[in-house]
Amino acid sequence: MLKGKMVRIRQRRYFPEQKLWAFVGNVTDFSENWVCLEGKGIVVVRGKSVPAEIDEAPRPLMIPRDNIANIRILPHDFDLDHIEICFEGIKVGIKVKGAPDTWISEVGEAT
């Protein structure tokens, strides 16, 4: 089960113009229909000097499971206060200390 794990959740996109959201945090509840976590939302912003906007403080988040593209379990010591965005070619991701980076988006990605 995911309860108590630190995760990165990428929201599903249904069309290219839709903003891409990802969420990083500690799972507080997990059900058939919802994933609840205490964490931060990240939105990828293309064409601006800041590549992604990250919530300033952790907050409760409730994400419908139907809207989840994928979930990645992160190390338990992932630091929510120091999220670092990284790039590799057309990929936008989050640096993960001591593990492979976790990718949020690719340019032109639709789902």
N, C-alpha and C. Protein backbone atom coordinates (compact mmCIF):
# COMPACT_ATOMS: atom_id res chain seq x y z
N MET A 1 0.83 -1.18 0.00
CA MET A 1 0.00 0.00 0.00
C MET A 1 0.88 1.25 0.00
N LEU A 2 0.35 2.34 -0.47
CA LEU A 2 1.10 3.59 -0.57
C LEU A 2 1.02 4.47 0.68
N LYS A 3 0.12 4.16 1.59
CA LYS A 3 -0.05 5.01 2.77
C LYS A 3 1.27 5.11 3.54
N GLY A 4 1.67 6.36 3.85
CA GLY A 4 2.90 6.61 4.57
C GLY A 4 4.13 6.75 3.68
N LYS A 5 3.99 6.55 2.37
CA LYS A 5 5.12 6.66 1.44
C LYS A 5 5.20 8.07 0.86
N MET A 6 6.42 8.49 0.53
CA MET A 6 6.66 9.75 -0.17
C MET A 6 6.54 9.43 -1.66
N VAL A 7 5.73 10.19 -2.40
CA VAL A 7 5.48 9.90 -3.81
C VAL A 7 5.51 11.15 -4.67
N ARG A 8 5.67 10.93 -5.97
CA ARG A 8 5.44 11.95 -6.99
C ARG A 8 4.28 11.42 -7.84
N ILE A 9 3.24 12.21 -7.97
CA ILE A 9 2.08 11.83 -8.77
C ILE A 9 2.00 12.79 -9.94
N ARG A 10 1.90 12.22 -11.14
CA ARG A 10 1.74 13.06 -12.33
C ARG A 10 0.30 12.94 -12.79
N GLN A 11 -0.34 14.10 -12.97
CA GLN A 11 -1.73 14.13 -13.39
C GLN A 11 -1.83 13.85 -14.89
N ARG A 12 -2.86 13.13 -15.27
CA ARG A 12 -3.13 12.83 -16.68
C ARG A 12 -3.50 14.10 -17.42
N ARG A 13 -3.05 14.20 -18.68
CA ARG A 13 -3.43 15.32 -19.55
C ARG A 13 -4.25 14.76 -20.70
N TYR A 14 -5.30 15.47 -21.04
CA TYR A 14 -6.20 15.00 -22.09
C TYR A 14 -6.04 15.77 -23.40
N PHE A 15 -5.37 16.93 -23.37
CA PHE A 15 -5.10 17.69 -24.58
C PHE A 15 -3.84 18.52 -24.35
N PRO A 16 -3.08 18.83 -25.42
CA PRO A 16 -1.77 19.48 -25.27
C PRO A 16 -1.79 20.83 -24.57
N GLU A 17 -2.87 21.59 -24.68
CA GLU A 17 -2.93 22.92 -24.08
C GLU A 17 -3.19 22.88 -22.57
N GLN A 18 -3.57 21.75 -22.05
CA GLN A 18 -3.87 21.61 -20.63
C GLN A 18 -2.60 21.77 -19.80
N LYS A 19 -2.70 22.52 -18.70
CA LYS A 19 -1.54 22.68 -17.81
C LYS A 19 -1.17 21.33 -17.22
N LEU A 20 0.11 21.12 -17.08
CA LEU A 20 0.59 19.86 -16.52
C LEU A 20 0.84 20.03 -15.03
N TRP A 21 0.15 19.23 -14.24
CA TRP A 21 0.30 19.25 -12.79
C TRP A 21 0.98 17.98 -12.32
N ALA A 22 1.84 18.14 -11.33
CA ALA A 22 2.43 17.01 -10.61
C ALA A 22 2.32 17.35 -9.13
N PHE A 23 2.33 16.32 -8.31
CA PHE A 23 2.20 16.50 -6.87
C PHE A 23 3.27 15.66 -6.19
N VAL A 24 3.89 16.21 -5.16
CA VAL A 24 4.91 15.51 -4.40
C VAL A 24 4.54 15.61 -2.93
N GLY A 25 4.52 14.46 -2.25
CA GLY A 25 4.20 14.51 -0.83
C GLY A 25 4.08 13.15 -0.20
N ASN A 26 3.66 13.15 1.05
CA ASN A 26 3.51 11.94 1.84
C ASN A 26 2.04 11.49 1.78
N VAL A 27 1.79 10.26 1.35
CA VAL A 27 0.43 9.75 1.21
C VAL A 27 -0.18 9.56 2.60
N THR A 28 -1.34 10.21 2.82
CA THR A 28 -2.04 10.08 4.10
C THR A 28 -3.20 9.11 4.02
N ASP A 29 -3.74 8.89 2.81
CA ASP A 29 -4.83 7.93 2.62
C ASP A 29 -4.85 7.51 1.16
N PHE A 30 -5.30 6.28 0.93
CA PHE A 30 -5.31 5.71 -0.42
C PHE A 30 -6.54 4.83 -0.51
N SER A 31 -7.44 5.15 -1.45
CA SER A 31 -8.66 4.35 -1.60
C SER A 31 -8.84 3.98 -3.07
N GLU A 32 -9.94 3.33 -3.34
CA GLU A 32 -10.27 2.92 -4.71
C GLU A 32 -10.41 4.12 -5.64
N ASN A 33 -10.85 5.26 -5.09
CA ASN A 33 -11.14 6.43 -5.92
C ASN A 33 -10.22 7.63 -5.71
N TRP A 34 -9.50 7.68 -4.60
CA TRP A 34 -8.72 8.87 -4.25
C TRP A 34 -7.35 8.50 -3.71
N VAL A 35 -6.41 9.45 -3.92
CA VAL A 35 -5.12 9.42 -3.23
C VAL A 35 -5.04 10.75 -2.50
N CYS A 36 -4.85 10.69 -1.18
CA CYS A 36 -4.74 11.90 -0.38
C CYS A 36 -3.30 12.00 0.10
N LEU A 37 -2.74 13.20 0.03
CA LEU A 37 -1.39 13.40 0.51
C LEU A 37 -1.21 14.78 1.09
N GLU A 38 -0.18 14.91 1.90
CA GLU A 38 0.25 16.19 2.45
C GLU A 38 1.48 16.56 1.65
N GLY A 39 1.36 17.54 0.77
CA GLY A 39 2.49 17.83 -0.09
C GLY A 39 2.33 19.12 -0.86
N LYS A 40 3.06 19.20 -1.97
CA LYS A 40 3.09 20.39 -2.79
C LYS A 40 2.68 20.06 -4.22
N GLY A 41 2.00 21.01 -4.85
CA GLY A 41 1.67 20.91 -6.26
C GLY A 41 2.73 21.62 -7.09
N ILE A 42 2.97 21.08 -8.28
CA ILE A 42 3.94 21.67 -9.21
C ILE A 42 3.26 21.77 -10.56
N VAL A 43 3.29 22.95 -11.15
CA VAL A 43 2.75 23.13 -12.50
C VAL A 43 3.89 23.55 -13.42
N VAL A 44 4.01 22.85 -14.56
CA VAL A 44 5.05 23.19 -15.54
C VAL A 44 4.57 24.38 -16.34
N VAL A 45 5.43 25.39 -16.45
CA VAL A 45 5.10 26.63 -17.14
C VAL A 45 6.07 26.79 -18.29
N ARG A 46 5.61 26.54 -19.50
CA ARG A 46 6.49 26.68 -20.66
C ARG A 46 6.51 28.11 -21.14
N GLY A 47 7.66 28.54 -21.64
CA GLY A 47 7.79 29.87 -22.22
C GLY A 47 8.04 30.98 -21.21
N LYS A 48 8.29 30.63 -19.96
CA LYS A 48 8.61 31.64 -18.94
C LYS A 48 10.01 31.38 -18.43
N SER A 49 10.58 32.38 -17.76
CA SER A 49 11.93 32.22 -17.23
C SER A 49 11.97 31.22 -16.08
N VAL A 50 10.85 31.05 -15.38
CA VAL A 50 10.74 30.05 -14.32
C VAL A 50 10.07 28.82 -14.93
N PRO A 51 10.75 27.65 -14.97
CA PRO A 51 10.22 26.48 -15.67
C PRO A 51 9.03 25.82 -15.01
N ALA A 52 8.89 25.99 -13.70
CA ALA A 52 7.79 25.37 -12.98
C ALA A 52 7.45 26.20 -11.76
N GLU A 53 6.17 26.23 -11.43
CA GLU A 53 5.72 26.91 -10.23
C GLU A 53 5.44 25.85 -9.18
N ILE A 54 6.02 26.03 -7.99
CA ILE A 54 5.90 25.06 -6.90
C ILE A 54 5.21 25.74 -5.73
N ASP A 55 4.23 25.05 -5.12
CA ASP A 55 3.57 25.59 -3.94
C ASP A 55 4.62 25.98 -2.90
N GLU A 56 4.38 27.08 -2.20
CA GLU A 56 5.34 27.54 -1.19
C GLU A 56 5.37 26.64 0.03
N ALA A 57 4.21 26.15 0.45
CA ALA A 57 4.13 25.33 1.66
C ALA A 57 3.32 24.07 1.38
N PRO A 58 3.62 22.97 2.08
CA PRO A 58 2.82 21.76 1.92
C PRO A 58 1.37 22.01 2.34
N ARG A 59 0.46 21.32 1.68
CA ARG A 59 -0.96 21.44 1.98
C ARG A 59 -1.62 20.10 1.73
N PRO A 60 -2.82 19.89 2.27
CA PRO A 60 -3.53 18.64 1.99
C PRO A 60 -3.98 18.63 0.53
N LEU A 61 -3.77 17.52 -0.15
CA LEU A 61 -4.17 17.37 -1.54
C LEU A 61 -4.99 16.09 -1.68
N MET A 62 -6.06 16.16 -2.45
CA MET A 62 -6.92 15.01 -2.70
C MET A 62 -7.02 14.85 -4.21
N ILE A 63 -6.48 13.75 -4.74
CA ILE A 63 -6.36 13.58 -6.17
C ILE A 63 -7.20 12.38 -6.62
N PRO A 64 -8.13 12.58 -7.56
CA PRO A 64 -8.92 11.45 -8.07
C PRO A 64 -8.02 10.47 -8.80
N ARG A 65 -8.16 9.19 -8.52
CA ARG A 65 -7.30 8.18 -9.14
C ARG A 65 -7.47 8.13 -10.65
N ASP A 66 -8.66 8.45 -11.16
CA ASP A 66 -8.88 8.47 -12.62
C ASP A 66 -8.04 9.52 -13.32
N ASN A 67 -7.60 10.55 -12.59
CA ASN A 67 -6.81 11.63 -13.18
C ASN A 67 -5.31 11.42 -13.06
N ILE A 68 -4.89 10.27 -12.53
CA ILE A 68 -3.47 10.01 -12.32
C ILE A 68 -2.88 9.29 -13.51
N ALA A 69 -1.82 9.88 -14.10
CA ALA A 69 -1.10 9.23 -15.20
C ALA A 69 -0.14 8.18 -14.63
N ASN A 70 0.61 8.54 -13.58
CA ASN A 70 1.50 7.58 -12.93
C ASN A 70 1.92 8.07 -11.56
N ILE A 71 2.42 7.13 -10.76
CA ILE A 71 2.89 7.40 -9.42
C ILE A 71 4.29 6.84 -9.29
N ARG A 72 5.18 7.61 -8.70
CA ARG A 72 6.53 7.11 -8.43
C ARG A 72 6.81 7.26 -6.94
N ILE A 73 7.25 6.18 -6.33
CA ILE A 73 7.64 6.22 -4.93
C ILE A 73 9.02 6.85 -4.83
N LEU A 74 9.15 7.81 -3.95
CA LEU A 74 10.41 8.53 -3.73
C LEU A 74 11.05 8.06 -2.43
N PRO A 75 12.33 8.35 -2.24
CA PRO A 75 12.97 8.02 -0.97
C PRO A 75 12.23 8.70 0.20
N HIS A 76 12.15 8.03 1.33
CA HIS A 76 11.41 8.56 2.48
C HIS A 76 11.98 9.88 2.99
N ASP A 77 13.24 10.17 2.67
CA ASP A 77 13.85 11.41 3.15
C ASP A 77 13.83 12.53 2.09
N PHE A 78 13.00 12.40 1.06
CA PHE A 78 12.88 13.45 0.04
C PHE A 78 12.48 14.75 0.73
N ASP A 79 13.17 15.84 0.42
CA ASP A 79 12.98 17.13 1.09
C ASP A 79 11.99 18.01 0.33
N LEU A 80 10.77 18.12 0.84
CA LEU A 80 9.74 18.94 0.21
C LEU A 80 10.07 20.43 0.23
N ASP A 81 10.94 20.83 1.15
CA ASP A 81 11.28 22.25 1.26
C ASP A 81 12.33 22.69 0.25
N HIS A 82 12.97 21.74 -0.42
CA HIS A 82 14.03 22.08 -1.38
C HIS A 82 13.85 21.29 -2.68
N ILE A 83 12.70 21.44 -3.32
CA ILE A 83 12.43 20.77 -4.59
C ILE A 83 13.21 21.49 -5.68
N GLU A 84 13.98 20.72 -6.45
CA GLU A 84 14.82 21.29 -7.51
C GLU A 84 14.35 20.74 -8.86
N ILE A 85 14.02 21.63 -9.78
CA ILE A 85 13.59 21.25 -11.12
C ILE A 85 14.83 21.03 -11.98
N CYS A 86 14.79 20.00 -12.85
CA CYS A 86 15.92 19.71 -13.73
C CYS A 86 15.41 19.46 -15.15
N PHE A 87 16.34 19.49 -16.11
CA PHE A 87 16.02 19.30 -17.52
C PHE A 87 16.98 18.29 -18.12
N GLU A 88 16.49 17.49 -19.04
CA GLU A 88 17.33 16.59 -19.84
C GLU A 88 16.70 16.53 -21.23
N GLY A 89 17.30 17.22 -22.17
CA GLY A 89 16.70 17.31 -23.50
C GLY A 89 15.35 18.01 -23.41
N ILE A 90 14.29 17.30 -23.82
CA ILE A 90 12.94 17.87 -23.77
C ILE A 90 12.19 17.50 -22.49
N LYS A 91 12.82 16.79 -21.58
CA LYS A 91 12.18 16.36 -20.34
C LYS A 91 12.33 17.40 -19.23
N VAL A 92 11.28 17.56 -18.44
CA VAL A 92 11.28 18.40 -17.25
C VAL A 92 11.07 17.47 -16.07
N GLY A 93 11.91 17.60 -15.04
CA GLY A 93 11.80 16.68 -13.92
C GLY A 93 12.14 17.31 -12.59
N ILE A 94 12.21 16.43 -11.59
CA ILE A 94 12.57 16.82 -10.23
C ILE A 94 13.81 16.03 -9.83
N LYS A 95 14.81 16.72 -9.31
CA LYS A 95 16.02 16.06 -8.81
C LYS A 95 15.67 15.24 -7.57
N VAL A 96 16.19 14.01 -7.53
CA VAL A 96 15.98 13.13 -6.38
C VAL A 96 17.36 12.71 -5.87
N LYS A 97 17.70 13.14 -4.66
CA LYS A 97 19.00 12.84 -4.08
C LYS A 97 19.12 11.33 -3.82
N GLY A 98 20.20 10.73 -4.32
CA GLY A 98 20.47 9.32 -4.08
C GLY A 98 19.63 8.36 -4.89
N ALA A 99 18.92 8.85 -5.91
CA ALA A 99 18.07 8.00 -6.76
C ALA A 99 17.93 8.68 -8.12
N PRO A 100 17.42 7.94 -9.12
CA PRO A 100 17.19 8.58 -10.42
C PRO A 100 16.18 9.73 -10.30
N ASP A 101 16.39 10.77 -11.10
CA ASP A 101 15.44 11.88 -11.12
C ASP A 101 14.08 11.37 -11.57
N THR A 102 13.03 12.09 -11.19
CA THR A 102 11.68 11.71 -11.58
C THR A 102 11.14 12.73 -12.58
N TRP A 103 10.65 12.25 -13.71
CA TRP A 103 10.25 13.13 -14.81
C TRP A 103 8.79 13.51 -14.68
N ILE A 104 8.52 14.76 -15.00
CA ILE A 104 7.16 15.31 -14.91
C ILE A 104 6.56 15.41 -16.31
N SER A 105 7.34 15.86 -17.30
CA SER A 105 6.77 16.22 -18.59
C SER A 105 7.77 16.11 -19.71
N GLU A 106 7.25 16.03 -20.91
CA GLU A 106 8.05 16.17 -22.12
C GLU A 106 7.35 17.19 -23.01
N VAL A 107 8.11 17.95 -23.74
CA VAL A 107 7.55 18.95 -24.64
C VAL A 107 6.65 18.24 -25.65
N GLY A 108 5.42 18.73 -25.81
CA GLY A 108 4.48 18.16 -26.78
C GLY A 108 3.74 16.95 -26.28
N GLU A 109 3.93 16.57 -25.04
CA GLU A 109 3.26 15.39 -24.49
C GLU A 109 1.78 15.67 -24.30
N ALA A 110 0.91 14.72 -24.67
CA ALA A 110 -0.53 14.94 -24.59
C ALA A 110 -1.23 14.10 -23.53
N THR A 111 -0.56 13.08 -23.01
CA THR A 111 -1.25 12.28 -21.97
C THR A 111 -0.37 12.06 -20.79
